[in-house]
């Protein structure tokens, strides 16, 4: 794992995760993470990039296949709007 730059040995002989190791660990264990407000900036950015990728996929799906999921899509829109609105609150 040291060769892959996932961990590095520190002065006292112990090992710690590198930034790359933290990101890989998060991807593997993200379902175990608690409150989303505890995520660091890179995890938030990764989440947004993943959402962007998923939306790009949905944009290429035929409309007929999306009709049965219209309610879920609407709920996601509402939740994203609430997040955006919360950014303007003081």
N, C-alpha and C. Protein backbone atom coordinates (compact mmCIF):
# COMPACT_ATOMS: atom_id res chain seq x y z
N UNK A 1 0.81 -1.19 0.00
CA UNK A 1 0.00 0.00 0.00
C UNK A 1 0.87 1.26 0.00
N UNK A 2 2.06 1.15 0.55
CA UNK A 2 2.99 2.28 0.51
C UNK A 2 3.37 2.56 -0.94
N UNK A 3 3.64 1.49 -1.71
CA UNK A 3 4.01 1.65 -3.11
C UNK A 3 2.89 2.28 -3.93
N UNK A 4 1.67 2.04 -3.53
CA UNK A 4 0.51 2.61 -4.24
C UNK A 4 0.18 4.01 -3.75
N UNK A 5 0.97 4.52 -2.80
CA UNK A 5 0.76 5.85 -2.22
C UNK A 5 -0.58 5.96 -1.48
N UNK A 6 -1.02 4.85 -0.87
CA UNK A 6 -2.26 4.87 -0.09
C UNK A 6 -1.97 5.14 1.38
N UNK A 7 -0.81 4.70 1.85
CA UNK A 7 -0.38 4.96 3.22
C UNK A 7 1.07 5.42 3.20
N UNK A 8 1.49 6.09 4.29
CA UNK A 8 2.89 6.47 4.42
C UNK A 8 3.32 6.18 5.85
N UNK A 9 4.58 5.85 5.98
CA UNK A 9 5.14 5.57 7.30
C UNK A 9 5.56 6.89 7.92
N UNK A 10 5.13 7.10 9.18
CA UNK A 10 5.49 8.34 9.86
C UNK A 10 6.67 8.06 10.81
N UNK A 11 7.22 9.13 11.37
CA UNK A 11 8.46 9.04 12.14
C UNK A 11 8.43 8.03 13.28
N UNK A 12 7.28 7.87 13.93
CA UNK A 12 7.22 6.95 15.07
C UNK A 12 7.02 5.49 14.66
N UNK A 13 7.06 5.21 13.35
CA UNK A 13 6.95 3.84 12.87
C UNK A 13 5.54 3.42 12.50
N UNK A 14 4.57 4.23 12.88
CA UNK A 14 3.19 3.91 12.52
C UNK A 14 2.93 4.35 11.08
N UNK A 15 1.78 3.92 10.55
CA UNK A 15 1.39 4.29 9.20
C UNK A 15 0.14 5.16 9.27
N UNK A 16 0.01 6.06 8.28
CA UNK A 16 -1.21 6.86 8.18
C UNK A 16 -1.63 6.93 6.72
N UNK A 17 -2.93 7.12 6.53
CA UNK A 17 -3.46 7.22 5.19
C UNK A 17 -3.00 8.52 4.52
N UNK A 18 -2.67 8.42 3.25
CA UNK A 18 -2.39 9.62 2.46
C UNK A 18 -3.74 10.17 1.97
N UNK A 19 -3.71 11.31 1.31
CA UNK A 19 -4.93 11.88 0.73
C UNK A 19 -5.57 10.87 -0.22
N UNK A 20 -4.74 10.26 -1.07
CA UNK A 20 -5.22 9.24 -2.01
C UNK A 20 -5.84 8.06 -1.24
N UNK A 21 -5.21 7.65 -0.16
CA UNK A 21 -5.72 6.56 0.65
C UNK A 21 -7.05 6.90 1.31
N UNK A 22 -7.17 8.15 1.76
CA UNK A 22 -8.43 8.60 2.37
C UNK A 22 -9.56 8.57 1.35
N UNK A 23 -9.27 9.03 0.13
CA UNK A 23 -10.30 9.06 -0.91
C UNK A 23 -10.72 7.65 -1.29
N UNK A 24 -9.75 6.75 -1.42
CA UNK A 24 -10.07 5.36 -1.76
C UNK A 24 -10.87 4.70 -0.63
N UNK A 25 -10.47 4.96 0.60
CA UNK A 25 -11.17 4.42 1.76
C UNK A 25 -12.61 4.92 1.79
N UNK A 26 -12.79 6.21 1.52
CA UNK A 26 -14.14 6.76 1.51
C UNK A 26 -15.00 6.09 0.46
N UNK A 27 -14.44 5.89 -0.73
CA UNK A 27 -15.21 5.25 -1.80
C UNK A 27 -15.64 3.85 -1.41
N UNK A 28 -14.78 3.13 -0.72
CA UNK A 28 -15.08 1.75 -0.33
C UNK A 28 -16.07 1.71 0.83
N UNK A 29 -15.90 2.60 1.81
CA UNK A 29 -16.68 2.52 3.04
C UNK A 29 -17.68 3.65 3.22
N UNK A 30 -18.00 4.40 2.15
CA UNK A 30 -18.85 5.57 2.30
C UNK A 30 -20.22 5.25 2.90
N UNK A 31 -20.72 4.04 2.67
CA UNK A 31 -22.02 3.67 3.24
C UNK A 31 -21.96 3.56 4.76
N UNK A 32 -20.77 3.49 5.33
CA UNK A 32 -20.61 3.40 6.78
C UNK A 32 -20.43 4.76 7.44
N UNK A 33 -20.19 5.80 6.63
CA UNK A 33 -19.98 7.14 7.18
C UNK A 33 -21.28 7.63 7.81
N UNK A 34 -21.14 8.39 8.86
CA UNK A 34 -22.30 8.91 9.57
C UNK A 34 -22.88 10.14 8.92
N UNK A 35 -23.06 11.16 9.69
CA UNK A 35 -23.68 12.41 9.27
C UNK A 35 -22.92 13.03 8.10
N UNK A 36 -23.63 13.35 6.98
CA UNK A 36 -22.96 13.94 5.82
C UNK A 36 -22.27 15.26 6.13
N UNK A 37 -22.66 15.96 7.19
CA UNK A 37 -22.00 17.23 7.50
C UNK A 37 -20.57 17.01 7.99
N UNK A 38 -20.20 15.77 8.30
CA UNK A 38 -18.84 15.48 8.74
C UNK A 38 -17.89 15.21 7.57
N UNK A 39 -18.40 15.22 6.35
CA UNK A 39 -17.57 14.92 5.21
C UNK A 39 -16.61 16.06 4.93
N UNK A 40 -15.42 15.75 4.50
CA UNK A 40 -14.49 16.80 4.14
C UNK A 40 -14.78 17.31 2.74
N UNK A 41 -14.11 18.37 2.35
CA UNK A 41 -14.38 19.04 1.07
C UNK A 41 -14.20 18.09 -0.10
N UNK A 42 -13.14 17.29 -0.10
CA UNK A 42 -12.92 16.39 -1.24
C UNK A 42 -14.02 15.34 -1.34
N UNK A 43 -14.55 14.89 -0.22
CA UNK A 43 -15.65 13.92 -0.25
C UNK A 43 -16.91 14.57 -0.82
N UNK A 44 -17.14 15.83 -0.45
CA UNK A 44 -18.29 16.55 -0.99
C UNK A 44 -18.13 16.72 -2.50
N UNK A 45 -16.93 17.11 -2.91
CA UNK A 45 -16.66 17.27 -4.33
C UNK A 45 -16.84 15.95 -5.08
N UNK A 46 -16.36 14.86 -4.50
CA UNK A 46 -16.53 13.54 -5.12
C UNK A 46 -18.00 13.18 -5.24
N UNK A 47 -18.78 13.48 -4.22
CA UNK A 47 -20.20 13.20 -4.25
C UNK A 47 -20.87 13.97 -5.37
N UNK A 48 -20.54 15.26 -5.49
CA UNK A 48 -21.14 16.09 -6.54
C UNK A 48 -20.72 15.62 -7.93
N UNK A 49 -19.47 15.21 -8.09
CA UNK A 49 -19.02 14.69 -9.38
C UNK A 49 -19.75 13.40 -9.74
N UNK A 50 -19.97 12.55 -8.74
CA UNK A 50 -20.68 11.31 -8.97
C UNK A 50 -22.13 11.59 -9.36
N UNK A 51 -22.74 12.56 -8.68
CA UNK A 51 -24.11 12.95 -9.04
C UNK A 51 -24.15 13.47 -10.47
N UNK A 52 -23.17 14.30 -10.84
CA UNK A 52 -23.11 14.85 -12.19
C UNK A 52 -23.02 13.72 -13.22
N UNK A 53 -22.21 12.73 -12.93
CA UNK A 53 -22.06 11.58 -13.82
C UNK A 53 -23.38 10.81 -13.94
N UNK A 54 -24.06 10.62 -12.81
CA UNK A 54 -25.35 9.92 -12.83
C UNK A 54 -26.39 10.69 -13.63
N UNK A 55 -26.40 12.00 -13.49
CA UNK A 55 -27.35 12.83 -14.24
C UNK A 55 -27.04 12.74 -15.73
N UNK A 56 -25.78 12.76 -16.09
CA UNK A 56 -25.39 12.62 -17.50
C UNK A 56 -25.93 11.30 -18.06
N UNK A 57 -25.84 10.26 -17.26
CA UNK A 57 -26.39 8.95 -17.69
C UNK A 57 -27.90 9.06 -17.90
N UNK A 58 -28.61 9.65 -16.95
CA UNK A 58 -30.07 9.77 -17.06
C UNK A 58 -30.48 10.61 -18.26
N UNK A 59 -29.66 11.59 -18.61
CA UNK A 59 -29.98 12.43 -19.76
C UNK A 59 -29.98 11.63 -21.06
N UNK A 60 -29.28 10.50 -21.06
CA UNK A 60 -29.22 9.66 -22.25
C UNK A 60 -30.21 8.51 -22.23
N UNK A 61 -30.99 8.40 -21.17
CA UNK A 61 -32.01 7.34 -21.07
C UNK A 61 -33.27 7.82 -21.79
N UNK A 62 -33.89 6.91 -22.50
CA UNK A 62 -35.12 7.26 -23.21
C UNK A 62 -36.19 7.69 -22.21
N UNK A 63 -36.93 8.71 -22.59
CA UNK A 63 -37.97 9.27 -21.73
C UNK A 63 -38.94 8.19 -21.22
N UNK A 64 -39.26 7.26 -22.09
CA UNK A 64 -40.23 6.21 -21.73
C UNK A 64 -39.76 5.41 -20.52
N UNK A 65 -38.47 5.24 -20.38
CA UNK A 65 -37.93 4.46 -19.25
C UNK A 65 -37.92 5.27 -17.96
N UNK A 66 -37.99 6.59 -18.08
CA UNK A 66 -37.95 7.45 -16.89
C UNK A 66 -39.33 7.73 -16.31
N UNK A 67 -40.38 7.56 -17.08
CA UNK A 67 -41.73 7.89 -16.61
C UNK A 67 -42.08 7.20 -15.30
N UNK A 68 -41.70 5.97 -15.15
CA UNK A 68 -42.06 5.23 -13.93
C UNK A 68 -41.30 5.73 -12.71
N UNK A 69 -40.30 6.57 -12.94
CA UNK A 69 -39.48 7.09 -11.84
C UNK A 69 -39.69 8.59 -11.63
N UNK A 70 -40.75 9.11 -12.20
CA UNK A 70 -40.99 10.56 -12.17
C UNK A 70 -41.09 11.10 -10.74
N UNK A 71 -41.76 10.36 -9.86
CA UNK A 71 -41.92 10.83 -8.48
C UNK A 71 -40.56 10.93 -7.77
N UNK A 72 -39.73 9.93 -7.94
CA UNK A 72 -38.40 9.95 -7.33
C UNK A 72 -37.56 11.10 -7.89
N UNK A 73 -37.63 11.32 -9.19
CA UNK A 73 -36.91 12.43 -9.81
C UNK A 73 -37.39 13.75 -9.21
N UNK A 74 -38.70 13.91 -9.06
CA UNK A 74 -39.25 15.15 -8.48
C UNK A 74 -38.77 15.34 -7.04
N UNK A 75 -38.73 14.26 -6.27
CA UNK A 75 -38.24 14.35 -4.88
C UNK A 75 -36.77 14.77 -4.83
N UNK A 76 -35.97 14.26 -5.75
CA UNK A 76 -34.56 14.65 -5.81
C UNK A 76 -34.42 16.13 -6.17
N UNK A 77 -35.24 16.60 -7.09
CA UNK A 77 -35.22 18.01 -7.47
C UNK A 77 -35.54 18.88 -6.26
N UNK A 78 -36.56 18.51 -5.52
CA UNK A 78 -36.97 19.27 -4.33
C UNK A 78 -35.84 19.31 -3.32
N UNK A 79 -35.23 18.17 -3.06
CA UNK A 79 -34.17 18.10 -2.06
C UNK A 79 -32.96 18.94 -2.48
N UNK A 80 -32.60 18.88 -3.76
CA UNK A 80 -31.48 19.69 -4.24
C UNK A 80 -31.79 21.19 -4.16
N UNK A 81 -33.03 21.55 -4.45
CA UNK A 81 -33.42 22.96 -4.32
C UNK A 81 -33.32 23.42 -2.87
N UNK A 82 -33.71 22.57 -1.94
CA UNK A 82 -33.61 22.92 -0.51
C UNK A 82 -32.15 23.10 -0.10
N UNK A 83 -31.29 22.26 -0.61
CA UNK A 83 -29.87 22.41 -0.30
C UNK A 83 -29.36 23.73 -0.86
N UNK A 84 -29.72 24.04 -2.10
CA UNK A 84 -29.29 25.29 -2.72
C UNK A 84 -29.81 26.49 -1.94
N UNK A 85 -31.08 26.44 -1.54
CA UNK A 85 -31.67 27.56 -0.77
C UNK A 85 -30.97 27.73 0.58
N UNK A 86 -30.56 26.63 1.17
CA UNK A 86 -29.89 26.70 2.48
C UNK A 86 -28.54 27.41 2.37
N UNK A 87 -27.96 27.45 1.22
CA UNK A 87 -26.68 28.14 1.03
C UNK A 87 -26.82 29.64 1.16
N UNK A 88 -28.03 30.15 0.93
CA UNK A 88 -28.28 31.59 1.00
C UNK A 88 -28.70 32.04 2.39
N UNK A 89 -28.94 31.07 3.29
CA UNK A 89 -29.33 31.42 4.66
C UNK A 89 -28.11 31.84 5.46
N UNK A 90 -28.32 32.74 6.38
CA UNK A 90 -27.19 33.20 7.22
C UNK A 90 -27.16 32.47 8.53
